[in-house]
């Protein structure tokens, strides 16, 4: 039997987990359609400790991948419970992001390798691997489907050919030919983002994207960085329009971002010494 003090501690911790916004100040900049005063935290199972990518599917489906395992997960978007999972590779790899188009899951490995996973969660599930064409040191963590559905854009977090943490190159993978196109499609530059921030917000501004997603209503690109702790909104040409530095207490290690059809925003955090979670921000334009 639990003593009264133990029960009180349990209730206090439960309330804290449900209202993490108590950790922040009310005047922090954040995209206008979302509020840091009003969001839901979904605590995930320990198996998702290193959740590294999210993707919304259809009307009510949520897919995720986890850094250390070649597995596609289906999660309950209300509770975070694992509903289904399917292994698509033989070896544990550095898996970073996931996209979904035409009933096919595309999974990004950190070296730029892409996996095309068909018939996910079916006994006939198969995967095909496509290698990155440049044999130099690279770390790629973010991927997003183009607005016309014809391409995948793959973002460097840290690539040998970029100017350290001052820029991040983006490559295009053509879904018709199923091949990467070179040279670089575009580059996200620190100098372009600096112009949108105040002087006191420039410290440790590392251009190392971890996740990306197109907003289904605004049609703008949201790019997230865990190491640099920023959220950028860009136009369809990848030109930065807004940049926000993220509260480190709320966004401990943000590695995934996606939107449901109503525009609600989902950002996943790896455990980072606590519990992995998904933060859900309601869309209120």
C-alpha atoms as a PDB file:
ATOM      1  CA  UNK A   1       0.000   0.000   0.000  1.00  0.00           C
ATOM      2  CA  UNK A   2       1.266   3.476  -0.881  1.00  0.00           C
ATOM      3  CA  UNK A   3       1.639   6.022   1.912  1.00  0.00           C
ATOM      4  CA  UNK A   4       0.012   9.436   1.518  1.00  0.00           C
ATOM      5  CA  UNK A   5       3.358  11.137   0.767  1.00  0.00           C
ATOM      6  CA  UNK A   6       4.099   8.617  -1.999  1.00  0.00           C
ATOM      7  CA  UNK A   7       0.651   9.168  -3.529  1.00  0.00           C
ATOM      8  CA  UNK A   8       1.143  12.935  -3.405  1.00  0.00           C
ATOM      9  CA  UNK A   9       4.527  12.615  -5.156  1.00  0.00           C
ATOM     10  CA  UNK A  10       3.002  10.420  -7.867  1.00  0.00           C
ATOM     11  CA  UNK A  11       0.191  12.933  -8.504  1.00  0.00           C
ATOM     12  CA  UNK A  12       2.658  15.831  -8.636  1.00  0.00           C
ATOM     13  CA  UNK A  13       4.856  14.069 -11.197  1.00  0.00           C
ATOM     14  CA  UNK A  14       1.813  13.148 -13.296  1.00  0.00           C
ATOM     15  CA  UNK A  15       0.608  16.756 -13.382  1.00  0.00           C
ATOM     16  CA  UNK A  16       4.093  17.987 -14.296  1.00  0.00           C
ATOM     17  CA  UNK A  17       4.280  15.554 -17.226  1.00  0.00           C
ATOM     18  CA  UNK A  18       0.933  16.736 -18.561  1.00  0.00           C
ATOM     19  CA  UNK A  19       1.722  20.450 -18.206  1.00  0.00           C
ATOM     20  CA  UNK A  20       5.394  20.887 -19.163  1.00  0.00           C
ATOM     21  CA  UNK A  21       4.657  24.469 -20.230  1.00  0.00           C
ATOM     22  CA  UNK A  22       5.239  25.461 -16.592  1.00  0.00           C
ATOM     23  CA  UNK A  23       8.970  25.322 -17.429  1.00  0.00           C
ATOM     24  CA  UNK A  24       8.941  28.288 -19.804  1.00  0.00           C
ATOM     25  CA  UNK A  25       8.307  32.006 -19.858  1.00  0.00           C
ATOM     26  CA  UNK A  26       5.125  33.194 -21.560  1.00  0.00           C
ATOM     27  CA  UNK A  27       6.804  35.696 -23.865  1.00  0.00           C
ATOM     28  CA  UNK A  28       9.089  33.317 -25.788  1.00  0.00           C
ATOM     29  CA  UNK A  29       8.837  33.719 -29.583  1.00  0.00           C
ATOM     30  CA  UNK A  30       7.137  30.831 -31.364  1.00  0.00           C
ATOM     31  CA  UNK A  31       5.170  30.451 -34.632  1.00  0.00           C
ATOM     32  CA  UNK A  32       2.001  32.563 -34.386  1.00  0.00           C
ATOM     33  CA  UNK A  33      -0.403  29.695 -35.097  1.00  0.00           C
ATOM     34  CA  UNK A  34       0.933  27.664 -32.149  1.00  0.00           C
ATOM     35  CA  UNK A  35       1.255  28.303 -28.432  1.00  0.00           C
ATOM     36  CA  UNK A  36       3.939  27.342 -25.957  1.00  0.00           C
ATOM     37  CA  UNK A  37       1.311  27.898 -23.261  1.00  0.00           C
ATOM     38  CA  UNK A  38      -0.934  25.140 -24.549  1.00  0.00           C
ATOM     39  CA  UNK A  39       0.459  21.837 -25.747  1.00  0.00           C
ATOM     40  CA  UNK A  40       0.146  18.162 -24.912  1.00  0.00           C
ATOM     41  CA  UNK A  41       3.042  15.890 -23.978  1.00  0.00           C
ATOM     42  CA  UNK A  42       2.696  12.229 -24.967  1.00  0.00           C
ATOM     43  CA  UNK A  43       5.189  10.078 -23.070  1.00  0.00           C
ATOM     44  CA  UNK A  44       6.432   7.168 -25.188  1.00  0.00           C
ATOM     45  CA  UNK A  45       7.452   3.622 -24.360  1.00  0.00           C
ATOM     46  CA  UNK A  46      11.114   2.985 -23.550  1.00  0.00           C
ATOM     47  CA  UNK A  47      11.508   1.153 -26.867  1.00  0.00           C
ATOM     48  CA  UNK A  48      11.231   4.570 -28.530  1.00  0.00           C
ATOM     49  CA  UNK A  49      14.042   6.031 -26.405  1.00  0.00           C
ATOM     50  CA  UNK A  50      15.899   7.358 -29.450  1.00  0.00           C
ATOM     51  CA  UNK A  51      12.919   8.303 -31.621  1.00  0.00           C
ATOM     52  CA  UNK A  52      14.427  10.138 -34.554  1.00  0.00           C
ATOM     53  CA  UNK A  53      11.669  10.689 -37.108  1.00  0.00           C
ATOM     54  CA  UNK A  54       7.902  11.188 -37.438  1.00  0.00           C
ATOM     55  CA  UNK A  55       5.474  11.085 -40.351  1.00  0.00           C
ATOM     56  CA  UNK A  56       1.706  11.550 -40.436  1.00  0.00           C
ATOM     57  CA  UNK A  57      -0.197   9.120 -42.677  1.00  0.00           C
ATOM     58  CA  UNK A  58      -3.786   9.543 -43.906  1.00  0.00           C
ATOM     59  CA  UNK A  59      -6.388  10.910 -41.505  1.00  0.00           C
ATOM     60  CA  UNK A  60      -5.225   9.429 -38.228  1.00  0.00           C
ATOM     61  CA  UNK A  61      -1.984   7.497 -38.644  1.00  0.00           C
ATOM     62  CA  UNK A  62       1.410   8.274 -37.140  1.00  0.00           C
ATOM     63  CA  UNK A  63       4.627   6.548 -38.181  1.00  0.00           C
ATOM     64  CA  UNK A  64       7.957   6.768 -36.380  1.00  0.00           C
ATOM     65  CA  UNK A  65      11.451   5.394 -36.571  1.00  0.00           C
ATOM     66  CA  UNK A  66      14.048   4.925 -33.847  1.00  0.00           C
ATOM     67  CA  UNK A  67      17.740   5.688 -34.267  1.00  0.00           C
ATOM     68  CA  UNK A  68      19.213   2.288 -33.426  1.00  0.00           C
ATOM     69  CA  UNK A  69      16.783  -0.091 -35.160  1.00  0.00           C
ATOM     70  CA  UNK A  70      15.766  -0.681 -38.815  1.00  0.00           C
ATOM     71  CA  UNK A  71      12.096  -0.758 -37.796  1.00  0.00           C
ATOM     72  CA  UNK A  72       9.047   1.230 -38.916  1.00  0.00           C
ATOM     73  CA  UNK A  73       6.643   1.850 -36.023  1.00  0.00           C
ATOM     74  CA  UNK A  74       2.962   2.728 -36.102  1.00  0.00           C
ATOM     75  CA  UNK A  75       1.982   4.771 -33.049  1.00  0.00           C
ATOM     76  CA  UNK A  76      -1.360   5.736 -31.567  1.00  0.00           C
ATOM     77  CA  UNK A  77      -1.327   9.552 -32.015  1.00  0.00           C
ATOM     78  CA  UNK A  78      -3.394   9.994 -28.847  1.00  0.00           C
ATOM     79  CA  UNK A  79      -1.363   7.831 -26.459  1.00  0.00           C
ATOM     80  CA  UNK A  80       1.935   7.109 -28.224  1.00  0.00           C
ATOM     81  CA  UNK A  81       1.394   3.376 -27.775  1.00  0.00           C
ATOM     82  CA  UNK A  82       3.135   1.157 -30.331  1.00  0.00           C
ATOM     83  CA  UNK A  83       0.398  -0.397 -32.473  1.00  0.00           C
ATOM     84  CA  UNK A  84       2.509  -2.200 -35.066  1.00  0.00           C
ATOM     85  CA  UNK A  85       6.133  -2.496 -36.092  1.00  0.00           C
ATOM     86  CA  UNK A  86       7.955  -3.908 -39.079  1.00  0.00           C
ATOM     87  CA  UNK A  87      11.666  -4.554 -39.532  1.00  0.00           C
ATOM     88  CA  UNK A  88      12.962  -3.493 -42.953  1.00  0.00           C
ATOM     89  CA  UNK A  89      16.727  -4.097 -42.657  1.00  0.00           C
ATOM     90  CA  UNK A  90      18.987  -6.861 -41.409  1.00  0.00           C
ATOM     91  CA  UNK A  91      21.432  -4.752 -39.402  1.00  0.00           C
ATOM     92  CA  UNK A  92      20.960  -2.072 -36.772  1.00  0.00           C
ATOM     93  CA  UNK A  93      21.753   1.218 -38.487  1.00  0.00           C
ATOM     94  CA  UNK A  94      21.788   4.929 -37.793  1.00  0.00           C
ATOM     95  CA  UNK A  95      18.190   5.567 -38.897  1.00  0.00           C
ATOM     96  CA  UNK A  96      17.191   9.239 -38.975  1.00  0.00           C
ATOM     97  CA  UNK A  97      13.910  10.101 -40.727  1.00  0.00           C
ATOM     98  CA  UNK A  98      10.847   8.704 -42.474  1.00  0.00           C
ATOM     99  CA  UNK A  99       8.485   9.868 -45.225  1.00  0.00           C
ATOM    100  CA  UNK A 100       5.346   8.321 -46.708  1.00  0.00           C
ATOM    101  CA  UNK A 101       4.027   8.623 -50.239  1.00  0.00           C
ATOM    102  CA  UNK A 102       1.786   6.427 -52.399  1.00  0.00           C
ATOM    103  CA  UNK A 103       1.562   3.765 -49.674  1.00  0.00           C
ATOM    104  CA  UNK A 104       5.347   3.448 -49.527  1.00  0.00           C
ATOM    105  CA  UNK A 105       7.595   4.310 -46.582  1.00  0.00           C
ATOM    106  CA  UNK A 106      10.927   5.949 -47.369  1.00  0.00           C
ATOM    107  CA  UNK A 107      13.508   5.742 -44.593  1.00  0.00           C
ATOM    108  CA  UNK A 108      16.722   7.763 -44.351  1.00  0.00           C
ATOM    109  CA  UNK A 109      19.973   6.410 -42.964  1.00  0.00           C
ATOM    110  CA  UNK A 110      22.587   8.896 -41.721  1.00  0.00           C
ATOM    111  CA  UNK A 111      24.974   8.191 -44.618  1.00  0.00           C
ATOM    112  CA  UNK A 112      22.279   9.229 -47.102  1.00  0.00           C
ATOM    113  CA  UNK A 113      21.168   5.709 -47.958  1.00  0.00           C
ATOM    114  CA  UNK A 114      17.425   5.537 -48.641  1.00  0.00           C
ATOM    115  CA  UNK A 115      15.212   2.507 -48.050  1.00  0.00           C
ATOM    116  CA  UNK A 116      12.018   2.074 -50.035  1.00  0.00           C
ATOM    117  CA  UNK A 117       9.741  -0.057 -47.839  1.00  0.00           C
ATOM    118  CA  UNK A 118       6.650  -1.436 -49.559  1.00  0.00           C
ATOM    119  CA  UNK A 119       3.660  -3.212 -47.988  1.00  0.00           C
ATOM    120  CA  UNK A 120       4.626  -2.006 -44.518  1.00  0.00           C
ATOM    121  CA  UNK A 121       3.061  -4.063 -41.678  1.00  0.00           C
ATOM    122  CA  UNK A 122       2.291  -6.816 -44.157  1.00  0.00           C
ATOM    123  CA  UNK A 123       3.859 -10.267 -44.420  1.00  0.00           C
ATOM    124  CA  UNK A 124       4.864  -9.339 -47.993  1.00  0.00           C
ATOM    125  CA  UNK A 125       6.815  -6.268 -46.854  1.00  0.00           C
ATOM    126  CA  UNK A 126       9.978  -5.656 -48.860  1.00  0.00           C
ATOM    127  CA  UNK A 127      12.711  -3.029 -48.850  1.00  0.00           C
ATOM    128  CA  UNK A 128      15.019  -1.737 -51.566  1.00  0.00           C
ATOM    129  CA  UNK A 129      18.155   0.243 -50.804  1.00  0.00           C
ATOM    130  CA  UNK A 130      19.460   3.280 -52.735  1.00  0.00           C
ATOM    131  CA  UNK A 131      22.976   4.509 -52.007  1.00  0.00           C
ATOM    132  CA  UNK A 132      24.088   8.135 -51.727  1.00  0.00           C
ATOM    133  CA  UNK A 133      26.309   9.036 -54.718  1.00  0.00           C
ATOM    134  CA  UNK A 134      29.094  11.012 -52.980  1.00  0.00           C
ATOM    135  CA  UNK A 135      31.711   9.022 -51.086  1.00  0.00           C
ATOM    136  CA  UNK A 136      32.759  11.599 -48.499  1.00  0.00           C
ATOM    137  CA  UNK A 137      32.127  11.925 -44.780  1.00  0.00           C
ATOM    138  CA  UNK A 138      28.500  12.869 -44.198  1.00  0.00           C
ATOM    139  CA  UNK A 139      25.696  12.870 -41.639  1.00  0.00           C
ATOM    140  CA  UNK A 140      22.156  13.383 -42.935  1.00  0.00           C
ATOM    141  CA  UNK A 141      19.206  13.505 -40.553  1.00  0.00           C
ATOM    142  CA  UNK A 142      16.259  15.263 -42.210  1.00  0.00           C
ATOM    143  CA  UNK A 143      14.066  14.396 -45.174  1.00  0.00           C
ATOM    144  CA  UNK A 144      10.806  15.697 -46.624  1.00  0.00           C
ATOM    145  CA  UNK A 145       8.605  14.991 -49.641  1.00  0.00           C
ATOM    146  CA  UNK A 146       8.365  17.802 -52.178  1.00  0.00           C
ATOM    147  CA  UNK A 147       5.016  19.559 -52.476  1.00  0.00           C
ATOM    148  CA  UNK A 148       4.388  17.998 -55.904  1.00  0.00           C
ATOM    149  CA  UNK A 149       5.217  14.520 -54.589  1.00  0.00           C
ATOM    150  CA  UNK A 150       7.880  13.965 -57.235  1.00  0.00           C
ATOM    151  CA  UNK A 151      10.981  14.159 -55.050  1.00  0.00           C
ATOM    152  CA  UNK A 152      12.489  13.677 -51.633  1.00  0.00           C
ATOM    153  CA  UNK A 153      14.672  16.429 -50.219  1.00  0.00           C
ATOM    154  CA  UNK A 154      17.471  15.138 -47.984  1.00  0.00           C
ATOM    155  CA  UNK A 155      19.241  17.567 -45.622  1.00  0.00           C
ATOM    156  CA  UNK A 156      22.838  17.404 -44.459  1.00  0.00           C
ATOM    157  CA  UNK A 157      23.393  17.811 -40.763  1.00  0.00           C
ATOM    158  CA  UNK A 158      27.156  17.680 -41.076  1.00  0.00           C
ATOM    159  CA  UNK A 159      28.731  16.996 -44.464  1.00  0.00           C
ATOM    160  CA  UNK A 160      32.379  17.298 -45.512  1.00  0.00           C
ATOM    161  CA  UNK A 161      31.625  19.645 -48.396  1.00  0.00           C
ATOM    162  CA  UNK A 162      29.676  22.172 -46.293  1.00  0.00           C
ATOM    163  CA  UNK A 163      31.160  25.113 -44.410  1.00  0.00           C
ATOM    164  CA  UNK A 164      31.176  23.468 -40.994  1.00  0.00           C
ATOM    165  CA  UNK A 165      28.032  24.374 -38.989  1.00  0.00           C
ATOM    166  CA  UNK A 166      27.483  27.558 -41.010  1.00  0.00           C
ATOM    167  CA  UNK A 167      25.524  25.878 -43.783  1.00  0.00           C
ATOM    168  CA  UNK A 168      23.651  22.713 -44.638  1.00  0.00           C
ATOM    169  CA  UNK A 169      23.302  21.421 -48.178  1.00  0.00           C
ATOM    170  CA  UNK A 170      20.089  19.806 -49.433  1.00  0.00           C
ATOM    171  CA  UNK A 171      19.955  17.072 -52.077  1.00  0.00           C
ATOM    172  CA  UNK A 172      17.067  15.988 -54.271  1.00  0.00           C
ATOM    173  CA  UNK A 173      16.141  12.336 -54.770  1.00  0.00           C
ATOM    174  CA  UNK A 174      13.945  11.836 -57.839  1.00  0.00           C
ATOM    175  CA  UNK A 175      11.137   9.366 -57.130  1.00  0.00           C
ATOM    176  CA  UNK A 176      10.594   8.549 -60.804  1.00  0.00           C
ATOM    177  CA  UNK A 177      14.155   7.495 -61.599  1.00  0.00           C
ATOM    178  CA  UNK A 178      14.778   6.554 -57.955  1.00  0.00           C
ATOM    179  CA  UNK A 179      18.139   8.255 -57.913  1.00  0.00           C
ATOM    180  CA  UNK A 180      19.882  11.207 -56.284  1.00  0.00           C
ATOM    181  CA  UNK A 181      20.432  14.261 -58.438  1.00  0.00           C
ATOM    182  CA  UNK A 182      23.679  16.184 -58.170  1.00  0.00           C
ATOM    183  CA  UNK A 183      24.979  18.786 -57.667  1.00  0.00           C
ATOM    184  CA  UNK A 184      23.456  20.158 -54.466  1.00  0.00           C
ATOM    185  CA  UNK A 185      19.816  21.235 -54.867  1.00  0.00           C
ATOM    186  CA  UNK A 186      20.081  24.167 -52.437  1.00  0.00           C
ATOM    187  CA  UNK A 187      21.878  25.259 -49.267  1.00  0.00           C
ATOM    188  CA  UNK A 188      20.534  26.574 -45.962  1.00  0.00           C
ATOM    189  CA  UNK A 189      22.899  29.305 -44.763  1.00  0.00           C
ATOM    190  CA  UNK A 190      23.512  30.743 -41.329  1.00  0.00           C
ATOM    191  CA  UNK A 191      23.787  34.235 -42.803  1.00  0.00           C
ATOM    192  CA  UNK A 192      20.207  34.051 -44.130  1.00  0.00           C
ATOM    193  CA  UNK A 193      18.897  32.945 -40.737  1.00  0.00           C
ATOM    194  CA  UNK A 194      20.892  35.506 -38.747  1.00  0.00           C
ATOM    195  CA  UNK A 195      19.012  38.323 -40.444  1.00  0.00           C
ATOM    196  CA  UNK A 196      15.784  37.036 -38.864  1.00  0.00           C
ATOM    197  CA  UNK A 197      17.084  36.878 -35.289  1.00  0.00           C
ATOM    198  CA  UNK A 198      18.012  39.380 -32.605  1.00  0.00           C
ATOM    199  CA  UNK A 199      21.639  39.803 -31.584  1.00  0.00           C
ATOM    200  CA  UNK A 200      21.149  37.896 -28.330  1.00  0.00           C
ATOM    201  CA  UNK A 201      19.650  34.944 -30.236  1.00  0.00           C
ATOM    202  CA  UNK A 202      22.697  34.274 -32.406  1.00  0.00           C
ATOM    203  CA  UNK A 203      24.774  32.379 -29.836  1.00  0.00           C
ATOM    204  CA  UNK A 204      25.444  28.727 -30.795  1.00  0.00           C
ATOM    205  CA  UNK A 205      23.356  29.031 -33.964  1.00  0.00           C
ATOM    206  CA  UNK A 206      24.494  25.815 -35.647  1.00  0.00           C
ATOM    207  CA  UNK A 207      22.959  24.987 -39.025  1.00  0.00           C
ATOM    208  CA  UNK A 208      22.436  21.273 -38.455  1.00  0.00           C
ATOM    209  CA  UNK A 209      18.893  20.213 -39.488  1.00  0.00           C
ATOM    210  CA  UNK A 210      17.407  17.179 -37.731  1.00  0.00           C
ATOM    211  CA  UNK A 211      13.880  17.070 -39.213  1.00  0.00           C
ATOM    212  CA  UNK A 212      11.663  18.771 -41.788  1.00  0.00           C
ATOM    213  CA  UNK A 213       8.006  18.820 -42.828  1.00  0.00           C
ATOM    214  CA  UNK A 214       5.750  20.837 -45.126  1.00  0.00           C
ATOM    215  CA  UNK A 215       2.752  22.427 -43.439  1.00  0.00           C
ATOM    216  CA  UNK A 216      -0.419  20.979 -45.029  1.00  0.00           C
ATOM    217  CA  UNK A 217      -2.337  24.286 -44.857  1.00  0.00           C
ATOM    218  CA  UNK A 218       0.296  27.030 -44.954  1.00  0.00           C
ATOM    219  CA  UNK A 219       2.320  25.176 -47.621  1.00  0.00           C
ATOM    220  CA  UNK A 220       5.513  26.356 -45.952  1.00  0.00           C
ATOM    221  CA  UNK A 221       8.525  24.308 -44.941  1.00  0.00           C
ATOM    222  CA  UNK A 222       9.294  23.792 -41.245  1.00  0.00           C
ATOM    223  CA  UNK A 223      12.863  22.737 -40.449  1.00  0.00           C
ATOM    224  CA  UNK A 224      13.961  21.684 -36.963  1.00  0.00           C
ATOM    225  CA  UNK A 225      17.443  21.493 -35.416  1.00  0.00           C
ATOM    226  CA  UNK A 226      18.255  19.598 -32.236  1.00  0.00           C
ATOM    227  CA  UNK A 227      21.901  20.567 -31.820  1.00  0.00           C
ATOM    228  CA  UNK A 228      21.257  24.217 -32.762  1.00  0.00           C
ATOM    229  CA  UNK A 229      17.891  24.330 -30.962  1.00  0.00           C
ATOM    230  CA  UNK A 230      15.972  26.251 -33.619  1.00  0.00           C
ATOM    231  CA  UNK A 231      12.826  26.013 -35.713  1.00  0.00           C
ATOM    232  CA  UNK A 232      12.827  27.667 -39.124  1.00  0.00           C
ATOM    233  CA  UNK A 233       9.893  28.402 -41.416  1.00  0.00           C
ATOM    234  CA  UNK A 234      10.864  28.737 -45.068  1.00  0.00           C
ATOM    235  CA  UNK A 235       9.016  29.277 -48.321  1.00  0.00           C
ATOM    236  CA  UNK A 236       8.715  26.703 -51.100  1.00  0.00           C
ATOM    237  CA  UNK A 237      12.119  27.806 -52.411  1.00  0.00           C
ATOM    238  CA  UNK A 238      13.754  27.053 -49.031  1.00  0.00           C
ATOM    239  CA  UNK A 239      14.247  30.753 -48.320  1.00  0.00           C
ATOM    240  CA  UNK A 240      14.006  31.396 -44.533  1.00  0.00           C
ATOM    241  CA  UNK A 241      11.055  33.568 -43.460  1.00  0.00           C
ATOM    242  CA  UNK A 242      10.998  33.061 -39.675  1.00  0.00           C
ATOM    243  CA  UNK A 243      13.450  31.554 -37.178  1.00  0.00           C
ATOM    244  CA  UNK A 244      12.796  30.675 -33.527  1.00  0.00           C
ATOM    245  CA  UNK A 245      15.295  29.535 -30.883  1.00  0.00           C
ATOM    246  CA  UNK A 246      13.830  26.686 -28.866  1.00  0.00           C
ATOM    247  CA  UNK A 247      13.516  26.379 -25.093  1.00  0.00           C
ATOM    248  CA  UNK A 248      15.975  23.652 -24.067  1.00  0.00           C
ATOM    249  CA  UNK A 249      13.842  22.593 -21.106  1.00  0.00           C
ATOM    250  CA  UNK A 250      10.875  21.790 -23.340  1.00  0.00           C
ATOM    251  CA  UNK A 251      12.740  20.648 -26.453  1.00  0.00           C
ATOM    252  CA  UNK A 252      15.441  18.491 -24.844  1.00  0.00           C
ATOM    253  CA  UNK A 253      16.404  16.689 -28.038  1.00  0.00           C
ATOM    254  CA  UNK A 254      13.920  17.401 -30.839  1.00  0.00           C
ATOM    255  CA  UNK A 255      14.562  14.959 -33.683  1.00  0.00           C
ATOM    256  CA  UNK A 256      11.239  14.610 -35.517  1.00  0.00           C
ATOM    257  CA  UNK A 257       8.466  16.864 -36.833  1.00  0.00           C
ATOM    258  CA  UNK A 258       5.212  16.286 -38.712  1.00  0.00           C
ATOM    259  CA  UNK A 259       1.714  17.745 -39.137  1.00  0.00           C
ATOM    260  CA  UNK A 260      -1.718  16.151 -39.244  1.00  0.00           C
ATOM    261  CA  UNK A 261      -4.203  17.283 -41.939  1.00  0.00           C
ATOM    262  CA  UNK A 262      -5.660  19.907 -39.573  1.00  0.00           C
ATOM    263  CA  UNK A 263      -2.287  21.595 -39.176  1.00  0.00           C
ATOM    264  CA  UNK A 264      -1.580  20.363 -35.640  1.00  0.00           C
ATOM    265  CA  UNK A 265       2.182  20.087 -35.131  1.00  0.00           C
ATOM    266  CA  UNK A 266       3.951  17.056 -33.627  1.00  0.00           C
ATOM    267  CA  UNK A 267       7.560  17.291 -32.432  1.00  0.00           C
ATOM    268  CA  UNK A 268       9.343  14.273 -30.959  1.00  0.00           C
ATOM    269  CA  UNK A 269      12.109  14.380 -28.353  1.00  0.00           C
ATOM    270  CA  UNK A 270      14.601  11.612 -27.653  1.00  0.00           C
ATOM    271  CA  UNK A 271      14.803  10.521 -24.005  1.00  0.00           C
ATOM    272  CA  UNK A 272      17.953  12.501 -23.103  1.00  0.00           C
ATOM    273  CA  UNK A 273      18.070  11.142 -19.555  1.00  0.00           C
ATOM    274  CA  UNK A 274      14.282  11.150 -19.136  1.00  0.00           C
ATOM    275  CA  UNK A 275      11.428   9.704 -21.172  1.00  0.00           C
ATOM    276  CA  UNK A 276      11.024  10.013 -24.934  1.00  0.00           C
ATOM    277  CA  UNK A 277       7.997  12.091 -25.848  1.00  0.00           C
ATOM    278  CA  UNK A 278       5.943  13.746 -28.549  1.00  0.00           C
ATOM    279  CA  UNK A 279       4.777  17.328 -28.054  1.00  0.00           C
ATOM    280  CA  UNK A 280       1.486  18.165 -29.767  1.00  0.00           C
ATOM    281  CA  UNK A 281       0.747  21.812 -30.619  1.00  0.00           C
ATOM    282  CA  UNK A 282      -2.788  22.658 -31.753  1.00  0.00           C
ATOM    283  CA  UNK A 283      -3.120  24.764 -34.889  1.00  0.00           C
ATOM    284  CA  UNK A 284      -4.903  28.050 -34.222  1.00  0.00           C
ATOM    285  CA  UNK A 285      -4.234  30.493 -37.088  1.00  0.00           C
END
